[in-house]
Amino acid sequence: METRVAVIAIIAENTEAIARINGILHDYADYIIGRMGLPYRQKGLSIISVVVDAPQQVTSALAGKIGRFDGVSTKTAYASATCGD
């Protein structure tokens, strides 16, 4: 199965969504290479970067599920090369 490395940037203005975001990330743990979360308390934001190695449709599904929450936005950047198993 071909996979692509990608970075999903998540900005959560609704801090109540963080627990649900973490639950979804847990569901996709097999694809996650690493993650970094930064609370920006002065602005009331949480900024999360998630690096995945997954089929493109899995990455899109993950970003889409997270981006559906009110006050949460996502953007995904893909590496240009695909990787085989």
PDB file of N, CA and C in Angstrom:
ATOM      1  N   MET A   1       0.842  -1.170   0.000  1.00  0.00           N
ATOM      2  CA  MET A   1       0.000   0.000   0.000  1.00  0.00           C
ATOM      3  C   MET A   1       0.894   1.242   0.000  1.00  0.00           C
ATOM      4  N   GLU A   2       0.627   2.165  -0.903  1.00  0.00           N
ATOM      5  CA  GLU A   2       1.409   3.392  -0.953  1.00  0.00           C
ATOM      6  C   GLU A   2       0.946   4.371   0.116  1.00  0.00           C
ATOM      7  N   THR A   3       1.915   4.985   0.744  1.00  0.00           N
ATOM      8  CA  THR A   3       1.622   5.990   1.762  1.00  0.00           C
ATOM      9  C   THR A   3       2.363   7.272   1.416  1.00  0.00           C
ATOM     10  N   ARG A   4       1.927   8.335   2.045  1.00  0.00           N
ATOM     11  CA  ARG A   4       2.598   9.628   1.901  1.00  0.00           C
ATOM     12  C   ARG A   4       2.799  10.224   3.280  1.00  0.00           C
ATOM     13  N   VAL A   5       3.935  10.856   3.442  1.00  0.00           N
ATOM     14  CA  VAL A   5       4.189  11.582   4.683  1.00  0.00           C
ATOM     15  C   VAL A   5       3.503  12.935   4.550  1.00  0.00           C
ATOM     16  N   ALA A   6       2.838  13.347   5.609  1.00  0.00           N
ATOM     17  CA  ALA A   6       2.129  14.623   5.607  1.00  0.00           C
ATOM     18  C   ALA A   6       2.177  15.247   6.993  1.00  0.00           C
ATOM     19  N   VAL A   7       1.993  16.547   7.018  1.00  0.00           N
ATOM     20  CA  VAL A   7       1.863  17.290   8.268  1.00  0.00           C
ATOM     21  C   VAL A   7       0.469  17.899   8.286  1.00  0.00           C
ATOM     22  N   ILE A   8      -0.258  17.638   9.351  1.00  0.00           N
ATOM     23  CA  ILE A   8      -1.576  18.237   9.527  1.00  0.00           C
ATOM     24  C   ILE A   8      -1.425  19.325  10.591  1.00  0.00           C
ATOM     25  N   ALA A   9      -1.718  20.558  10.216  1.00  0.00           N
ATOM     26  CA  ALA A   9      -1.693  21.680  11.153  1.00  0.00           C
ATOM     27  C   ALA A   9      -3.117  21.904  11.642  1.00  0.00           C
ATOM     28  N   ILE A  10      -3.249  21.974  12.958  1.00  0.00           N
ATOM     29  CA  ILE A  10      -4.565  22.143  13.577  1.00  0.00           C
ATOM     30  C   ILE A  10      -4.520  23.383  14.464  1.00  0.00           C
ATOM     31  N   ILE A  11      -5.478  24.281  14.279  1.00  0.00           N
ATOM     32  CA  ILE A  11      -5.618  25.428  15.175  1.00  0.00           C
ATOM     33  C   ILE A  11      -7.008  25.348  15.784  1.00  0.00           C
ATOM     34  N   ALA A  12      -7.033  25.256  17.108  1.00  0.00           N
ATOM     35  CA  ALA A  12      -8.296  25.134  17.824  1.00  0.00           C
ATOM     36  C   ALA A  12      -8.542  26.409  18.626  1.00  0.00           C
ATOM     37  N   GLU A  13      -9.540  27.171  18.188  1.00  0.00           N
ATOM     38  CA  GLU A  13      -9.959  28.345  18.949  1.00  0.00           C
ATOM     39  C   GLU A  13     -10.952  27.935  20.031  1.00  0.00           C
ATOM     40  N   ASN A  14     -11.554  26.790  19.860  1.00  0.00           N
ATOM     41  CA  ASN A  14     -12.501  26.230  20.815  1.00  0.00           C
ATOM     42  C   ASN A  14     -11.758  25.184  21.636  1.00  0.00           C
ATOM     43  N   THR A  15     -11.274  25.566  22.802  1.00  0.00           N
ATOM     44  CA  THR A  15     -10.473  24.644  23.609  1.00  0.00           C
ATOM     45  C   THR A  15     -11.284  23.461  24.128  1.00  0.00           C
ATOM     46  N   GLU A  16     -12.597  23.559  24.100  1.00  0.00           N
ATOM     47  CA  GLU A  16     -13.429  22.425  24.511  1.00  0.00           C
ATOM     48  C   GLU A  16     -13.331  21.272  23.516  1.00  0.00           C
ATOM     49  N   ALA A  17     -12.875  21.541  22.307  1.00  0.00           N
ATOM     50  CA  ALA A  17     -12.754  20.497  21.286  1.00  0.00           C
ATOM     51  C   ALA A  17     -11.486  19.667  21.450  1.00  0.00           C
ATOM     52  N   ILE A  18     -10.555  20.091  22.300  1.00  0.00           N
ATOM     53  CA  ILE A  18      -9.258  19.420  22.415  1.00  0.00           C
ATOM     54  C   ILE A  18      -9.402  17.958  22.824  1.00  0.00           C
ATOM     55  N   ALA A  19     -10.253  17.658  23.767  1.00  0.00           N
ATOM     56  CA  ALA A  19     -10.432  16.264  24.204  1.00  0.00           C
ATOM     57  C   ALA A  19     -10.943  15.398  23.054  1.00  0.00           C
ATOM     58  N   ARG A  20     -11.853  15.939  22.246  1.00  0.00           N
ATOM     59  CA  ARG A  20     -12.373  15.167  21.103  1.00  0.00           C
ATOM     60  C   ARG A  20     -11.299  15.005  20.026  1.00  0.00           C
ATOM     61  N   ILE A  21     -10.485  16.042  19.823  1.00  0.00           N
ATOM     62  CA  ILE A  21      -9.376  15.941  18.869  1.00  0.00           C
ATOM     63  C   ILE A  21      -8.412  14.848  19.316  1.00  0.00           C
ATOM     64  N   ASN A  22      -8.059  14.847  20.594  1.00  0.00           N
ATOM     65  CA  ASN A  22      -7.156  13.817  21.115  1.00  0.00           C
ATOM     66  C   ASN A  22      -7.739  12.423  20.945  1.00  0.00           C
ATOM     67  N   GLY A  23      -9.044  12.276  21.092  1.00  0.00           N
ATOM     68  CA  GLY A  23      -9.689  10.979  20.884  1.00  0.00           C
ATOM     69  C   GLY A  23      -9.552  10.508  19.451  1.00  0.00           C
ATOM     70  N   ILE A  24      -9.735  11.410  18.500  1.00  0.00           N
ATOM     71  CA  ILE A  24      -9.582  11.047  17.090  1.00  0.00           C
ATOM     72  C   ILE A  24      -8.131  10.706  16.783  1.00  0.00           C
ATOM     73  N   LEU A  25      -7.200  11.500  17.306  1.00  0.00           N
ATOM     74  CA  LEU A  25      -5.782  11.200  17.084  1.00  0.00           C
ATOM     75  C   LEU A  25      -5.431   9.824  17.643  1.00  0.00           C
ATOM     76  N   HIS A  26      -6.005   9.462  18.766  1.00  0.00           N
ATOM     77  CA  HIS A  26      -5.778   8.137  19.343  1.00  0.00           C
ATOM     78  C   HIS A  26      -6.259   7.046  18.376  1.00  0.00           C
ATOM     79  N   ASP A  27      -7.400   7.286  17.730  1.00  0.00           N
ATOM     80  CA  ASP A  27      -7.940   6.307  16.782  1.00  0.00           C
ATOM     81  C   ASP A  27      -7.007   6.096  15.587  1.00  0.00           C
ATOM     82  N   TYR A  28      -6.216   7.098  15.243  1.00  0.00           N
ATOM     83  CA  TYR A  28      -5.309   7.033  14.098  1.00  0.00           C
ATOM     84  C   TYR A  28      -3.850   6.852  14.526  1.00  0.00           C
ATOM     85  N   ALA A  29      -3.634   6.396  15.733  1.00  0.00           N
ATOM     86  CA  ALA A  29      -2.280   6.296  16.304  1.00  0.00           C
ATOM     87  C   ALA A  29      -1.331   5.458  15.461  1.00  0.00           C
ATOM     88  N   ASP A  30      -1.831   4.451  14.758  1.00  0.00           N
ATOM     89  CA  ASP A  30      -0.959   3.595  13.945  1.00  0.00           C
ATOM     90  C   ASP A  30      -0.289   4.356  12.801  1.00  0.00           C
ATOM     91  N   TYR A  31      -0.858   5.469  12.399  1.00  0.00           N
ATOM     92  CA  TYR A  31      -0.321   6.255  11.287  1.00  0.00           C
ATOM     93  C   TYR A  31       0.510   7.454  11.734  1.00  0.00           C
ATOM     94  N   ILE A  32       0.429   7.801  13.004  1.00  0.00           N
ATOM     95  CA  ILE A  32       1.069   9.021  13.498  1.00  0.00           C
ATOM     96  C   ILE A  32       2.537   8.763  13.817  1.00  0.00           C
ATOM     97  N   ILE A  33       3.399   9.565  13.189  1.00  0.00           N
ATOM     98  CA  ILE A  33       4.841   9.503  13.461  1.00  0.00           C
ATOM     99  C   ILE A  33       5.162  10.320  14.701  1.00  0.00           C
ATOM    100  N   GLY A  34       4.565  11.497  14.810  1.00  0.00           N
ATOM    101  CA  GLY A  34       4.806  12.361  15.955  1.00  0.00           C
ATOM    102  C   GLY A  34       3.822  13.515  15.967  1.00  0.00           C
ATOM    103  N   ARG A  35       3.760  14.175  17.105  1.00  0.00           N
ATOM    104  CA  ARG A  35       2.864  15.322  17.232  1.00  0.00           C
ATOM    105  C   ARG A  35       3.443  16.305  18.223  1.00  0.00           C
ATOM    106  N   MET A  36       3.066  17.559  18.056  1.00  0.00           N
ATOM    107  CA  MET A  36       3.493  18.604  18.971  1.00  0.00           C
ATOM    108  C   MET A  36       2.296  19.528  19.214  1.00  0.00           C
ATOM    109  N   GLY A  37       2.015  19.780  20.456  1.00  0.00           N
ATOM    110  CA  GLY A  37       0.922  20.677  20.800  1.00  0.00           C
ATOM    111  C   GLY A  37       1.433  21.874  21.577  1.00  0.00           C
ATOM    112  N   LEU A  38       0.947  23.034  21.205  1.00  0.00           N
ATOM    113  CA  LEU A  38       1.355  24.276  21.861  1.00  0.00           C
ATOM    114  C   LEU A  38       0.123  25.043  22.317  1.00  0.00           C
ATOM    115  N   PRO A  39      -0.078  25.178  23.603  1.00  0.00           N
ATOM    116  CA  PRO A  39      -1.173  26.041  24.061  1.00  0.00           C
ATOM    117  C   PRO A  39      -0.715  27.495  23.995  1.00  0.00           C
ATOM    118  N   TYR A  40      -1.486  28.330  23.343  1.00  0.00           N
ATOM    119  CA  TYR A  40      -1.179  29.756  23.262  1.00  0.00           C
ATOM    120  C   TYR A  40      -2.214  30.465  24.131  1.00  0.00           C
ATOM    121  N   ARG A  41      -1.970  30.452  25.416  1.00  0.00           N
ATOM    122  CA  ARG A  41      -2.947  30.906  26.398  1.00  0.00           C
ATOM    123  C   ARG A  41      -3.324  32.377  26.230  1.00  0.00           C
ATOM    124  N   GLN A  42      -2.369  33.214  25.841  1.00  0.00           N
ATOM    125  CA  GLN A  42      -2.656  34.637  25.686  1.00  0.00           C
ATOM    126  C   GLN A  42      -3.722  34.887  24.614  1.00  0.00           C
ATOM    127  N   LYS A  43      -3.792  34.019  23.627  1.00  0.00           N
ATOM    128  CA  LYS A  43      -4.773  34.167  22.544  1.00  0.00           C
ATOM    129  C   LYS A  43      -5.933  33.184  22.666  1.00  0.00           C
ATOM    130  N   GLY A  44      -5.866  32.278  23.642  1.00  0.00           N
ATOM    131  CA  GLY A  44      -6.921  31.288  23.821  1.00  0.00           C
ATOM    132  C   GLY A  44      -6.961  30.248  22.712  1.00  0.00           C
ATOM    133  N   LEU A  45      -5.785  29.917  22.169  1.00  0.00           N
ATOM    134  CA  LEU A  45      -5.676  28.954  21.074  1.00  0.00           C
ATOM    135  C   LEU A  45      -4.867  27.740  21.491  1.00  0.00           C
ATOM    136  N   SER A  46      -5.115  26.646  20.813  1.00  0.00           N
ATOM    137  CA  SER A  46      -4.247  25.478  20.882  1.00  0.00           C
ATOM    138  C   SER A  46      -3.788  25.190  19.464  1.00  0.00           C
ATOM    139  N   ILE A  47      -2.486  25.006  19.297  1.00  0.00           N
ATOM    140  CA  ILE A  47      -1.900  24.746  17.983  1.00  0.00           C
ATOM    141  C   ILE A  47      -1.264  23.365  18.034  1.00  0.00           C
ATOM    142  N   ILE A  48      -1.662  22.501  17.121  1.00  0.00           N
ATOM    143  CA  ILE A  48      -1.185  21.119  17.121  1.00  0.00           C
ATOM    144  C   ILE A  48      -0.649  20.795  15.726  1.00  0.00           C
ATOM    145  N   SER A  49       0.534  20.209  15.669  1.00  0.00           N
ATOM    146  CA  SER A  49       1.097  19.688  14.423  1.00  0.00           C
ATOM    147  C   SER A  49       1.166  18.180  14.554  1.00  0.00           C
ATOM    148  N   VAL A  50       0.655  17.479  13.547  1.00  0.00           N
ATOM    149  CA  VAL A  50       0.653  16.024  13.554  1.00  0.00           C
ATOM    150  C   VAL A  50       1.321  15.539  12.268  1.00  0.00           C
ATOM    151  N   VAL A  51       2.345  14.705  12.405  1.00  0.00           N
ATOM    152  CA  VAL A  51       3.035  14.140  11.247  1.00  0.00           C
ATOM    153  C   VAL A  51       2.562  12.698  11.091  1.00  0.00           C
ATOM    154  N   VAL A  52       2.099  12.370   9.879  1.00  0.00           N
ATOM    155  CA  VAL A  52       1.584  11.031   9.620  1.00  0.00           C
ATOM    156  C   VAL A  52       2.286  10.417   8.413  1.00  0.00           C
ATOM    157  N   ASP A  53       2.304   9.106   8.376  1.00  0.00           N
ATOM    158  CA  ASP A  53       2.714   8.333   7.205  1.00  0.00           C
ATOM    159  C   ASP A  53       1.561   7.385   6.937  1.00  0.00           C
ATOM    160  N   ALA A  54       0.729   7.747   5.954  1.00  0.00           N
ATOM    161  CA  ALA A  54      -0.523   7.023   5.741  1.00  0.00           C
ATOM    162  C   ALA A  54      -0.946   7.141   4.286  1.00  0.00           C
ATOM    163  N   PRO A  55      -1.857   6.264   3.861  1.00  0.00           N
ATOM    164  CA  PRO A  55      -2.461   6.465   2.548  1.00  0.00           C
ATOM    165  C   PRO A  55      -3.159   7.828   2.516  1.00  0.00           C
ATOM    166  N   GLN A  56      -3.176   8.459   1.372  1.00  0.00           N
ATOM    167  CA  GLN A  56      -3.719   9.810   1.285  1.00  0.00           C
ATOM    168  C   GLN A  56      -5.164   9.891   1.765  1.00  0.00           C
ATOM    169  N   GLN A  57      -5.961   8.876   1.489  1.00  0.00           N
ATOM    170  CA  GLN A  57      -7.360   8.917   1.912  1.00  0.00           C
ATOM    171  C   GLN A  57      -7.491   8.853   3.432  1.00  0.00           C
ATOM    172  N   VAL A  58      -6.566   8.171   4.103  1.00  0.00           N
ATOM    173  CA  VAL A  58      -6.585   8.119   5.570  1.00  0.00           C
ATOM    174  C   VAL A  58      -6.230   9.484   6.139  1.00  0.00           C
ATOM    175  N   THR A  59      -5.203  10.109   5.574  1.00  0.00           N
ATOM    176  CA  THR A  59      -4.807  11.441   6.037  1.00  0.00           C
ATOM    177  C   THR A  59      -5.942  12.437   5.828  1.00  0.00           C
ATOM    178  N   SER A  60      -6.585  12.382   4.676  1.00  0.00           N
ATOM    179  CA  SER A  60      -7.707  13.287   4.396  1.00  0.00           C
ATOM    180  C   SER A  60      -8.865  13.051   5.364  1.00  0.00           C
ATOM    181  N   ALA A  61      -9.146  11.796   5.672  1.00  0.00           N
ATOM    182  CA  ALA A  61     -10.226  11.481   6.608  1.00  0.00           C
ATOM    183  C   ALA A  61      -9.915  12.020   8.002  1.00  0.00           C
ATOM    184  N   LEU A  62      -8.669  11.841   8.433  1.00  0.00           N
ATOM    185  CA  LEU A  62      -8.263  12.337   9.750  1.00  0.00           C
ATOM    186  C   LEU A  62      -8.416  13.854   9.824  1.00  0.00           C
ATOM    187  N   ALA A  63      -7.868  14.564   8.854  1.00  0.00           N
ATOM    188  CA  ALA A  63      -7.961  16.027   8.854  1.00  0.00           C
ATOM    189  C   ALA A  63      -9.414  16.485   8.744  1.00  0.00           C
ATOM    190  N   GLY A  64     -10.200  15.785   7.946  1.00  0.00           N
ATOM    191  CA  GLY A  64     -11.605  16.152   7.789  1.00  0.00           C
ATOM    192  C   GLY A  64     -12.404  15.989   9.062  1.00  0.00           C
ATOM    193  N   LYS A  65     -12.194  14.890   9.772  1.00  0.00           N
ATOM    194  CA  LYS A  65     -12.910  14.664  11.029  1.00  0.00           C
ATOM    195  C   LYS A  65     -12.583  15.744  12.049  1.00  0.00           C
ATOM    196  N   ILE A  66     -11.323  16.107  12.132  1.00  0.00           N
ATOM    197  CA  ILE A  66     -10.914  17.129  13.102  1.00  0.00           C
ATOM    198  C   ILE A  66     -11.427  18.503  12.678  1.00  0.00           C
ATOM    199  N   GLY A  67     -11.365  18.800  11.398  1.00  0.00           N
ATOM    200  CA  GLY A  67     -11.774  20.106  10.905  1.00  0.00           C
ATOM    201  C   GLY A  67     -13.264  20.374  10.976  1.00  0.00           C
ATOM    202  N   ARG A  68     -14.078  19.361  11.246  1.00  0.00           N
ATOM    203  CA  ARG A  68     -15.527  19.545  11.361  1.00  0.00           C
ATOM    204  C   ARG A  68     -15.961  20.172  12.672  1.00  0.00           C
ATOM    205  N   PHE A  69     -15.099  20.156  13.672  1.00  0.00           N
ATOM    206  CA  PHE A  69     -15.476  20.730  14.969  1.00  0.00           C
ATOM    207  C   PHE A  69     -15.569  22.249  14.861  1.00  0.00           C
ATOM    208  N   ASP A  70     -16.539  22.818  15.555  1.00  0.00           N
ATOM    209  CA  ASP A  70     -16.668  24.272  15.594  1.00  0.00           C
ATOM    210  C   ASP A  70     -15.420  24.884  16.206  1.00  0.00           C
ATOM    211  N   GLY A  71     -14.915  25.942  15.589  1.00  0.00           N
ATOM    212  CA  GLY A  71     -13.761  26.647  16.123  1.00  0.00           C
ATOM    213  C   GLY A  71     -12.441  25.947  15.882  1.00  0.00           C
ATOM    214  N   VAL A  72     -12.415  24.965  14.978  1.00  0.00           N
ATOM    215  CA  VAL A  72     -11.189  24.218  14.683  1.00  0.00           C
ATOM    216  C   VAL A  72     -10.944  24.269  13.174  1.00  0.00           C
ATOM    217  N   SER A  73      -9.700  24.574  12.783  1.00  0.00           N
ATOM    218  CA  SER A  73      -9.349  24.552  11.364  1.00  0.00           C
ATOM    219  C   SER A  73      -8.116  23.679  11.164  1.00  0.00           C
ATOM    220  N   THR A  74      -8.038  23.067   9.988  1.00  0.00           N
ATOM    221  CA  THR A  74      -6.904  22.206   9.656  1.00  0.00           C
ATOM    222  C   THR A  74      -6.402  22.528   8.252  1.00  0.00           C
ATOM    223  N   LYS A  75      -5.127  22.312   8.065  1.00  0.00           N
ATOM    224  CA  LYS A  75      -4.490  22.382   6.746  1.00  0.00           C
ATOM    225  C   LYS A  75      -3.494  21.239   6.684  1.00  0.00           C
ATOM    226  N   THR A  76      -3.364  20.633   5.515  1.00  0.00           N
ATOM    227  CA  THR A  76      -2.471  19.492   5.352  1.00  0.00           C
ATOM    228  C   THR A  76      -1.459  19.782   4.257  1.00  0.00           C
ATOM    229  N   ALA A  77      -0.200  19.476   4.538  1.00  0.00           N
ATOM    230  CA  ALA A  77       0.876  19.573   3.543  1.00  0.00           C
ATOM    231  C   ALA A  77       1.448  18.180   3.353  1.00  0.00           C
ATOM    232  N   TYR A  78       1.542  17.761   2.085  1.00  0.00           N
ATOM    233  CA  TYR A  78       2.018  16.417   1.745  1.00  0.00           C
ATOM    234  C   TYR A  78       3.442  16.472   1.187  1.00  0.00           C
ATOM    235  N   ALA A  79       4.242  15.433   1.504  1.00  0.00           N
ATOM    236  CA  ALA A  79       5.512  15.242   0.825  1.00  0.00           C
ATOM    237  C   ALA A  79       5.212  14.853  -0.612  1.00  0.00           C
ATOM    238  N   SER A  80       6.084  15.193  -1.535  1.00  0.00           N
ATOM    239  CA  SER A  80       5.801  14.917  -2.944  1.00  0.00           C
ATOM    240  C   SER A  80       5.949  13.447  -3.291  1.00  0.00           C
ATOM    241  N   ALA A  81       6.793  12.706  -2.584  1.00  0.00           N
ATOM    242  CA  ALA A  81       7.037  11.301  -2.918  1.00  0.00           C
ATOM    243  C   ALA A  81       6.096  10.385  -2.126  1.00  0.00           C
ATOM    244  N   THR A  82       5.746   9.266  -2.762  1.00  0.00           N
ATOM    245  CA  THR A  82       4.983   8.232  -2.062  1.00  0.00           C
ATOM    246  C   THR A  82       5.965   7.156  -1.614  1.00  0.00           C
ATOM    247  N   CYS A  83       5.549   6.384  -0.630  1.00  0.00           N
ATOM    248  CA  CYS A  83       6.390   5.321  -0.073  1.00  0.00           C
ATOM    249  C   CYS A  83       5.623   4.022  -0.150  1.00  0.00           C
ATOM    250  N   GLY A  84       6.276   2.964  -0.593  1.00  0.00           N
ATOM    251  CA  GLY A  84       5.663   1.646  -0.593  1.00  0.00           C
ATOM    252  C   GLY A  84       5.997   0.930   0.699  1.00  0.00           C
ATOM    253  N   ASP A  85       5.279  -0.128   0.990  1.00  0.00           N
ATOM    254  CA  ASP A  85       5.531  -0.903   2.217  1.00  0.00           C
ATOM    255  C   ASP A  85       6.867  -1.548   2.204  1.00  0.00           C
TER     256      ASP A  85
END
